Amino acid sequence: MQRVSSASVSVDGELLASIGPGLLVLLGVAPTDTAADADRLAARVLALRVFADADGRMNAPLADRELLCVSQFTLYADTRRGNRPSYTDAAPAPIAEPLYERFCAATGARRGRFGAEMAVALVNDGPVTLLLEQPPVSPGSFRVPV
């Protein structure tokens, strides 16, 4: 996920969503991820303190700022062999799409179009970019750059 001053997502020149100050979440889903994983990650993103508080310290949560979520199966690219990434570690659409929609609903995120070729524009604020993953002991491992 990335802290942004602004971000937007378009498909074929059509603006689907845009936000002002807030978070851009690029969400990857693994085949073993569950609804509980999506809920846990949504709660974590909403509570994460990555914005300046009254003293200018990175200590404030998302609160009344905006969130844009874009599905991003390429986060699960395996590039260890050859020159063409493999995406076999990414969940197939029938698993990934409901979990993506669940995460977006839980966070109140504006969103891109699942499975579409999207143009994502952003102005990174900071820059602050974080990778959130489920702990290794959990069955899932969402990957979320902010």
N, C-alpha and C. Protein backbone atom coordinates (compact mmCIF):
# COMPACT_ATOMS: atom_id res chain seq x y z
N MET A 1 0.84 -1.17 0.00
CA MET A 1 0.00 0.00 0.00
C MET A 1 0.88 1.23 0.00
N GLN A 2 0.38 2.31 -0.55
CA GLN A 2 1.13 3.54 -0.63
C GLN A 2 0.28 4.68 -0.09
N ARG A 3 0.92 5.51 0.72
CA ARG A 3 0.25 6.73 1.17
C ARG A 3 0.34 7.71 0.01
N VAL A 4 -0.81 8.28 -0.37
CA VAL A 4 -0.85 9.13 -1.55
C VAL A 4 -1.49 10.48 -1.26
N SER A 5 -1.08 11.47 -2.05
CA SER A 5 -1.76 12.76 -2.06
C SER A 5 -3.00 12.67 -2.94
N SER A 6 -2.90 11.82 -4.00
CA SER A 6 -4.03 11.55 -4.89
C SER A 6 -3.72 10.28 -5.66
N ALA A 7 -4.79 9.62 -6.13
CA ALA A 7 -4.62 8.42 -6.95
C ALA A 7 -5.91 8.22 -7.75
N SER A 8 -5.76 7.53 -8.88
CA SER A 8 -6.93 7.23 -9.71
C SER A 8 -6.68 5.95 -10.48
N VAL A 9 -7.79 5.37 -10.95
CA VAL A 9 -7.71 4.17 -11.77
C VAL A 9 -8.69 4.33 -12.93
N SER A 10 -8.21 3.98 -14.13
CA SER A 10 -9.02 4.07 -15.35
C SER A 10 -8.92 2.79 -16.14
N VAL A 11 -9.96 2.53 -16.94
CA VAL A 11 -9.97 1.41 -17.88
C VAL A 11 -10.40 1.96 -19.23
N ASP A 12 -9.57 1.74 -20.25
CA ASP A 12 -9.86 2.22 -21.60
C ASP A 12 -10.21 3.71 -21.62
N GLY A 13 -9.49 4.50 -20.85
CA GLY A 13 -9.71 5.94 -20.81
C GLY A 13 -10.87 6.39 -19.95
N GLU A 14 -11.64 5.46 -19.40
CA GLU A 14 -12.77 5.80 -18.53
C GLU A 14 -12.31 5.80 -17.07
N LEU A 15 -12.45 6.94 -16.40
CA LEU A 15 -12.09 7.06 -15.00
C LEU A 15 -13.08 6.26 -14.16
N LEU A 16 -12.57 5.26 -13.43
CA LEU A 16 -13.43 4.44 -12.57
C LEU A 16 -13.52 5.00 -11.17
N ALA A 17 -12.39 5.48 -10.66
CA ALA A 17 -12.36 5.98 -9.28
C ALA A 17 -11.14 6.86 -9.09
N SER A 18 -11.28 7.82 -8.19
CA SER A 18 -10.14 8.66 -7.82
C SER A 18 -10.30 9.06 -6.36
N ILE A 19 -9.17 9.33 -5.73
CA ILE A 19 -9.17 9.76 -4.34
C ILE A 19 -8.21 10.92 -4.15
N GLY A 20 -8.42 11.65 -3.08
CA GLY A 20 -7.48 12.66 -2.63
C GLY A 20 -6.53 12.01 -1.64
N PRO A 21 -6.12 12.71 -0.60
CA PRO A 21 -5.19 12.14 0.37
C PRO A 21 -5.74 10.85 0.99
N GLY A 22 -4.88 9.83 1.03
CA GLY A 22 -5.30 8.56 1.61
C GLY A 22 -4.33 7.46 1.26
N LEU A 23 -4.88 6.27 1.02
CA LEU A 23 -4.07 5.09 0.73
C LEU A 23 -4.49 4.46 -0.60
N LEU A 24 -3.50 4.05 -1.37
CA LEU A 24 -3.70 3.23 -2.55
C LEU A 24 -3.26 1.83 -2.17
N VAL A 25 -4.17 0.88 -2.20
CA VAL A 25 -3.87 -0.51 -1.86
C VAL A 25 -3.86 -1.33 -3.14
N LEU A 26 -2.75 -2.00 -3.40
CA LEU A 26 -2.64 -2.95 -4.49
C LEU A 26 -2.76 -4.32 -3.83
N LEU A 27 -3.83 -5.03 -4.13
CA LEU A 27 -4.17 -6.24 -3.38
C LEU A 27 -3.97 -7.50 -4.20
N GLY A 28 -3.10 -8.37 -3.70
CA GLY A 28 -2.89 -9.68 -4.30
C GLY A 28 -3.50 -10.73 -3.39
N VAL A 29 -4.06 -11.78 -3.98
CA VAL A 29 -4.70 -12.84 -3.22
C VAL A 29 -4.06 -14.18 -3.56
N ALA A 30 -3.75 -14.97 -2.52
CA ALA A 30 -3.20 -16.31 -2.70
C ALA A 30 -4.33 -17.34 -2.72
N PRO A 31 -4.11 -18.50 -3.31
CA PRO A 31 -5.15 -19.52 -3.38
C PRO A 31 -5.66 -19.99 -2.01
N THR A 32 -4.82 -19.86 -0.99
CA THR A 32 -5.20 -20.34 0.35
C THR A 32 -5.83 -19.25 1.20
N ASP A 33 -5.96 -18.03 0.69
CA ASP A 33 -6.55 -16.94 1.47
C ASP A 33 -8.04 -17.19 1.68
N THR A 34 -8.55 -16.68 2.80
CA THR A 34 -9.93 -16.91 3.20
C THR A 34 -10.63 -15.59 3.49
N ALA A 35 -11.94 -15.67 3.71
CA ALA A 35 -12.71 -14.49 4.09
C ALA A 35 -12.17 -13.91 5.40
N ALA A 36 -11.79 -14.77 6.33
CA ALA A 36 -11.23 -14.29 7.61
C ALA A 36 -9.94 -13.52 7.36
N ASP A 37 -9.12 -13.96 6.41
CA ASP A 37 -7.89 -13.23 6.07
C ASP A 37 -8.22 -11.85 5.51
N ALA A 38 -9.22 -11.79 4.63
CA ALA A 38 -9.62 -10.50 4.04
C ALA A 38 -10.11 -9.55 5.13
N ASP A 39 -10.91 -10.06 6.07
CA ASP A 39 -11.42 -9.24 7.16
C ASP A 39 -10.30 -8.74 8.07
N ARG A 40 -9.36 -9.63 8.38
CA ARG A 40 -8.23 -9.27 9.24
C ARG A 40 -7.36 -8.20 8.57
N LEU A 41 -7.12 -8.37 7.28
CA LEU A 41 -6.30 -7.40 6.56
C LEU A 41 -7.01 -6.05 6.47
N ALA A 42 -8.30 -6.06 6.23
CA ALA A 42 -9.07 -4.82 6.15
C ALA A 42 -8.97 -4.06 7.48
N ALA A 43 -9.15 -4.76 8.58
CA ALA A 43 -9.06 -4.12 9.90
C ALA A 43 -7.66 -3.56 10.12
N ARG A 44 -6.65 -4.28 9.69
CA ARG A 44 -5.26 -3.82 9.87
C ARG A 44 -4.99 -2.56 9.06
N VAL A 45 -5.43 -2.54 7.80
CA VAL A 45 -5.22 -1.36 6.95
C VAL A 45 -5.91 -0.14 7.55
N LEU A 46 -7.13 -0.31 8.04
CA LEU A 46 -7.87 0.82 8.61
C LEU A 46 -7.23 1.34 9.90
N ALA A 47 -6.56 0.47 10.65
CA ALA A 47 -5.97 0.87 11.93
C ALA A 47 -4.52 1.33 11.81
N LEU A 48 -3.87 1.01 10.71
CA LEU A 48 -2.45 1.32 10.56
C LEU A 48 -2.21 2.83 10.65
N ARG A 49 -1.28 3.24 11.48
CA ARG A 49 -1.02 4.66 11.72
C ARG A 49 0.14 5.13 10.84
N VAL A 50 -0.20 5.64 9.66
CA VAL A 50 0.81 6.05 8.68
C VAL A 50 0.66 7.51 8.25
N PHE A 51 -0.20 8.26 8.92
CA PHE A 51 -0.42 9.67 8.60
C PHE A 51 0.06 10.54 9.75
N ALA A 52 0.40 11.78 9.43
CA ALA A 52 0.91 12.71 10.45
C ALA A 52 -0.20 13.08 11.43
N ASP A 53 0.16 13.10 12.72
CA ASP A 53 -0.77 13.57 13.74
C ASP A 53 -0.55 15.07 13.94
N ALA A 54 -1.15 15.65 14.96
CA ALA A 54 -1.05 17.09 15.21
C ALA A 54 0.39 17.54 15.46
N ASP A 55 1.23 16.61 15.91
CA ASP A 55 2.64 16.94 16.17
C ASP A 55 3.54 16.63 14.98
N GLY A 56 2.95 16.21 13.87
CA GLY A 56 3.73 15.92 12.68
C GLY A 56 4.35 14.53 12.68
N ARG A 57 4.02 13.72 13.67
CA ARG A 57 4.57 12.36 13.75
C ARG A 57 3.67 11.39 13.00
N MET A 58 4.23 10.37 12.39
CA MET A 58 3.45 9.35 11.68
C MET A 58 2.75 8.50 12.74
N ASN A 59 1.55 8.96 13.12
CA ASN A 59 0.88 8.34 14.26
C ASN A 59 -0.64 8.32 14.10
N ALA A 60 -1.17 8.74 12.97
CA ALA A 60 -2.62 8.81 12.78
C ALA A 60 -3.09 7.76 11.76
N PRO A 61 -4.27 7.17 11.98
CA PRO A 61 -4.81 6.18 11.03
C PRO A 61 -5.49 6.85 9.85
N LEU A 62 -6.04 6.04 8.98
CA LEU A 62 -6.71 6.51 7.77
C LEU A 62 -7.85 7.47 8.10
N ALA A 63 -8.64 7.15 9.11
CA ALA A 63 -9.75 7.99 9.60
C ALA A 63 -10.63 8.49 8.46
N ASP A 64 -10.69 9.82 8.26
CA ASP A 64 -11.58 10.39 7.25
C ASP A 64 -10.91 10.56 5.88
N ARG A 65 -9.73 9.99 5.71
CA ARG A 65 -9.08 10.01 4.40
C ARG A 65 -9.68 8.93 3.51
N GLU A 66 -9.24 8.90 2.25
CA GLU A 66 -9.84 7.98 1.29
C GLU A 66 -8.95 6.78 1.01
N LEU A 67 -9.56 5.73 0.48
CA LEU A 67 -8.83 4.51 0.15
C LEU A 67 -9.25 4.05 -1.24
N LEU A 68 -8.27 3.72 -2.06
CA LEU A 68 -8.49 3.17 -3.40
C LEU A 68 -7.83 1.81 -3.44
N CYS A 69 -8.56 0.78 -3.86
CA CYS A 69 -8.02 -0.58 -3.92
C CYS A 69 -8.04 -1.09 -5.35
N VAL A 70 -6.92 -1.64 -5.78
CA VAL A 70 -6.75 -2.18 -7.13
C VAL A 70 -6.29 -3.63 -7.00
N SER A 71 -6.98 -4.55 -7.66
CA SER A 71 -6.56 -5.95 -7.64
C SER A 71 -5.23 -6.07 -8.41
N GLN A 72 -4.32 -6.89 -7.88
CA GLN A 72 -2.97 -6.94 -8.44
C GLN A 72 -2.39 -8.34 -8.32
N PHE A 73 -2.82 -9.26 -9.19
CA PHE A 73 -2.32 -10.63 -9.12
C PHE A 73 -0.82 -10.72 -9.38
N THR A 74 -0.25 -9.72 -10.06
CA THR A 74 1.17 -9.77 -10.39
C THR A 74 2.07 -9.67 -9.15
N LEU A 75 1.50 -9.35 -8.00
CA LEU A 75 2.29 -9.36 -6.76
C LEU A 75 2.77 -10.77 -6.44
N TYR A 76 2.11 -11.76 -7.00
CA TYR A 76 2.50 -13.15 -6.77
C TYR A 76 3.37 -13.71 -7.89
N ALA A 77 3.98 -12.86 -8.67
CA ALA A 77 4.85 -13.30 -9.75
C ALA A 77 6.06 -14.06 -9.20
N ASP A 78 6.34 -15.19 -9.80
CA ASP A 78 7.54 -15.96 -9.47
C ASP A 78 8.53 -15.72 -10.60
N THR A 79 9.64 -15.05 -10.27
CA THR A 79 10.63 -14.70 -11.28
C THR A 79 11.95 -15.44 -11.05
N ARG A 80 11.90 -16.51 -10.28
CA ARG A 80 13.14 -17.22 -9.96
C ARG A 80 13.74 -17.96 -11.14
N ARG A 81 12.92 -18.33 -12.14
CA ARG A 81 13.43 -19.08 -13.29
C ARG A 81 13.01 -18.39 -14.58
N GLY A 82 13.93 -18.33 -15.50
CA GLY A 82 13.62 -17.79 -16.83
C GLY A 82 13.35 -16.29 -16.80
N ASN A 83 12.84 -15.80 -17.92
CA ASN A 83 12.58 -14.37 -18.07
C ASN A 83 11.10 -14.02 -18.11
N ARG A 84 10.25 -15.03 -18.07
CA ARG A 84 8.81 -14.79 -18.08
C ARG A 84 8.24 -15.15 -16.71
N PRO A 85 7.65 -14.18 -16.00
CA PRO A 85 7.11 -14.47 -14.67
C PRO A 85 6.00 -15.52 -14.73
N SER A 86 5.94 -16.33 -13.69
CA SER A 86 4.87 -17.30 -13.52
C SER A 86 3.91 -16.75 -12.48
N TYR A 87 2.62 -16.93 -12.70
CA TYR A 87 1.62 -16.42 -11.76
C TYR A 87 0.83 -17.55 -11.12
N THR A 88 1.41 -18.74 -11.05
CA THR A 88 0.70 -19.88 -10.48
C THR A 88 0.47 -19.73 -8.97
N ASP A 89 1.19 -18.83 -8.31
CA ASP A 89 1.00 -18.60 -6.87
C ASP A 89 -0.15 -17.64 -6.59
N ALA A 90 -0.71 -17.02 -7.61
CA ALA A 90 -1.86 -16.12 -7.43
C ALA A 90 -3.14 -16.94 -7.46
N ALA A 91 -4.11 -16.51 -6.67
CA ALA A 91 -5.41 -17.20 -6.65
C ALA A 91 -6.12 -17.02 -7.97
N PRO A 92 -6.84 -18.05 -8.44
CA PRO A 92 -7.65 -17.89 -9.64
C PRO A 92 -8.82 -16.94 -9.35
N ALA A 93 -9.36 -16.35 -10.39
CA ALA A 93 -10.42 -15.34 -10.25
C ALA A 93 -11.60 -15.79 -9.38
N PRO A 94 -12.08 -17.04 -9.48
CA PRO A 94 -13.22 -17.42 -8.64
C PRO A 94 -12.94 -17.35 -7.14
N ILE A 95 -11.67 -17.45 -6.76
CA ILE A 95 -11.29 -17.29 -5.35
C ILE A 95 -10.95 -15.83 -5.07
N ALA A 96 -10.16 -15.22 -5.94
CA ALA A 96 -9.64 -13.88 -5.68
C ALA A 96 -10.70 -12.78 -5.72
N GLU A 97 -11.60 -12.84 -6.69
CA GLU A 97 -12.56 -11.73 -6.83
C GLU A 97 -13.47 -11.55 -5.62
N PRO A 98 -14.06 -12.61 -5.06
CA PRO A 98 -14.90 -12.40 -3.86
C PRO A 98 -14.11 -11.86 -2.67
N LEU A 99 -12.85 -12.27 -2.54
CA LEU A 99 -12.04 -11.77 -1.42
C LEU A 99 -11.65 -10.31 -1.64
N TYR A 100 -11.37 -9.95 -2.89
CA TYR A 100 -11.10 -8.55 -3.23
C TYR A 100 -12.33 -7.71 -2.92
N GLU A 101 -13.50 -8.15 -3.35
CA GLU A 101 -14.74 -7.40 -3.10
C GLU A 101 -15.02 -7.31 -1.61
N ARG A 102 -14.74 -8.38 -0.87
CA ARG A 102 -14.95 -8.37 0.59
C ARG A 102 -14.04 -7.34 1.26
N PHE A 103 -12.76 -7.33 0.86
CA PHE A 103 -11.82 -6.35 1.41
C PHE A 103 -12.30 -4.93 1.12
N CYS A 104 -12.69 -4.68 -0.13
CA CYS A 104 -13.15 -3.33 -0.52
C CYS A 104 -14.38 -2.92 0.27
N ALA A 105 -15.32 -3.83 0.46
CA ALA A 105 -16.54 -3.51 1.22
C ALA A 105 -16.19 -3.22 2.68
N ALA A 106 -15.30 -4.01 3.25
CA ALA A 106 -14.93 -3.84 4.66
C ALA A 106 -14.20 -2.53 4.92
N THR A 107 -13.49 -2.02 3.93
CA THR A 107 -12.71 -0.79 4.11
C THR A 107 -13.41 0.43 3.54
N GLY A 108 -14.50 0.22 2.79
CA GLY A 108 -15.16 1.34 2.13
C GLY A 108 -14.35 1.89 0.98
N ALA A 109 -13.50 1.05 0.40
CA ALA A 109 -12.59 1.49 -0.65
C ALA A 109 -13.31 1.76 -1.95
N ARG A 110 -12.85 2.77 -2.65
CA ARG A 110 -13.19 2.92 -4.06
C ARG A 110 -12.35 1.88 -4.77
N ARG A 111 -12.72 1.49 -5.98
CA ARG A 111 -12.02 0.37 -6.57
C ARG A 111 -11.87 0.45 -8.08
N GLY A 112 -10.94 -0.35 -8.54
CA GLY A 112 -10.78 -0.55 -9.98
C GLY A 112 -11.75 -1.62 -10.44
N ARG A 113 -11.48 -2.21 -11.59
CA ARG A 113 -12.33 -3.27 -12.14
C ARG A 113 -11.53 -4.57 -12.11
N PHE A 114 -11.99 -5.52 -11.34
CA PHE A 114 -11.28 -6.77 -11.18
C PHE A 114 -11.04 -7.42 -12.54
N GLY A 115 -9.80 -7.85 -12.78
CA GLY A 115 -9.44 -8.56 -14.00
C GLY A 115 -9.20 -7.70 -15.22
N ALA A 116 -9.41 -6.40 -15.11
CA ALA A 116 -9.25 -5.51 -16.27
C ALA A 116 -7.81 -5.00 -16.36
N GLU A 117 -7.43 -4.59 -17.56
CA GLU A 117 -6.17 -3.87 -17.76
C GLU A 117 -6.45 -2.44 -17.31
N MET A 118 -5.79 -2.01 -16.24
CA MET A 118 -6.08 -0.71 -15.64
C MET A 118 -4.89 0.22 -15.74
N ALA A 119 -5.16 1.50 -15.83
CA ALA A 119 -4.14 2.54 -15.73
C ALA A 119 -4.29 3.15 -14.34
N VAL A 120 -3.25 3.03 -13.54
CA VAL A 120 -3.27 3.54 -12.18
C VAL A 120 -2.32 4.73 -12.12
N ALA A 121 -2.83 5.85 -11.64
CA ALA A 121 -2.00 7.06 -11.48
C ALA A 121 -1.98 7.40 -10.00
N LEU A 122 -0.83 7.88 -9.53
CA LEU A 122 -0.73 8.25 -8.13
C LEU A 122 0.34 9.29 -7.90
N VAL A 123 0.14 10.05 -6.84
CA VAL A 123 1.18 10.94 -6.33
C VAL A 123 1.50 10.41 -4.95
N ASN A 124 2.66 9.75 -4.84
CA ASN A 124 3.08 9.14 -3.58
C ASN A 124 3.39 10.23 -2.57
N ASP A 125 2.91 10.10 -1.36
CA ASP A 125 3.10 11.07 -0.30
C ASP A 125 4.14 10.56 0.67
N GLY A 126 5.30 11.17 0.67
CA GLY A 126 6.35 10.77 1.61
C GLY A 126 7.70 10.61 0.95
N PRO A 127 7.93 9.57 0.20
CA PRO A 127 7.03 8.46 -0.10
C PRO A 127 6.92 7.49 1.08
N VAL A 128 5.73 6.96 1.24
CA VAL A 128 5.48 5.91 2.23
C VAL A 128 4.86 4.74 1.48
N THR A 129 5.60 3.64 1.41
CA THR A 129 5.13 2.42 0.76
C THR A 129 5.37 1.27 1.72
N LEU A 130 4.31 0.49 2.01
CA LEU A 130 4.42 -0.61 2.96
C LEU A 130 3.89 -1.89 2.35
N LEU A 131 4.50 -3.01 2.72
CA LEU A 131 4.03 -4.32 2.31
C LEU A 131 3.43 -4.99 3.54
N LEU A 132 2.17 -5.35 3.47
CA LEU A 132 1.50 -6.07 4.55
C LEU A 132 1.23 -7.48 4.08
N GLU A 133 1.61 -8.44 4.90
CA GLU A 133 1.33 -9.83 4.59
C GLU A 133 0.76 -10.48 5.83
N GLN A 134 -0.06 -11.49 5.62
CA GLN A 134 -0.55 -12.27 6.74
C GLN A 134 0.65 -12.95 7.38
N PRO A 135 0.63 -13.19 8.69
CA PRO A 135 1.74 -13.91 9.32
C PRO A 135 1.88 -15.31 8.73
N PRO A 136 3.10 -15.84 8.69
CA PRO A 136 3.32 -17.15 8.09
C PRO A 136 2.50 -18.26 8.73
N VAL A 137 2.07 -18.08 9.98
CA VAL A 137 1.30 -19.13 10.64
C VAL A 137 -0.13 -19.19 10.14
N SER A 138 -0.59 -18.15 9.45
CA SER A 138 -1.96 -18.15 8.93
C SER A 138 -2.00 -18.91 7.62
N PRO A 139 -3.19 -19.39 7.24
CA PRO A 139 -3.27 -20.13 5.98
C PRO A 139 -3.08 -19.25 4.76
N GLY A 140 -3.25 -17.95 4.88
CA GLY A 140 -3.16 -17.07 3.71
C GLY A 140 -1.97 -16.15 3.77
N SER A 141 -1.77 -15.45 2.67
CA SER A 141 -0.70 -14.46 2.64
C SER A 141 -1.05 -13.39 1.62
N PHE A 142 -2.05 -12.57 1.97
CA PHE A 142 -2.36 -11.42 1.10
C PHE A 142 -1.10 -10.60 0.96
N ARG A 143 -0.88 -10.02 -0.18
CA ARG A 143 0.24 -9.10 -0.36
C ARG A 143 -0.34 -7.76 -0.72
N VAL A 144 0.00 -6.76 0.08
CA VAL A 144 -0.58 -5.45 -0.11
C VAL A 144 0.48 -4.38 -0.04
N PRO A 145 0.90 -3.82 -1.15
CA PRO A 145 1.73 -2.64 -1.09
C PRO A 145 0.84 -1.42 -0.94
N VAL A 146 1.21 -0.54 -0.09
CA VAL A 146 0.43 0.69 0.09
C VAL A 146 1.26 1.86 -0.31
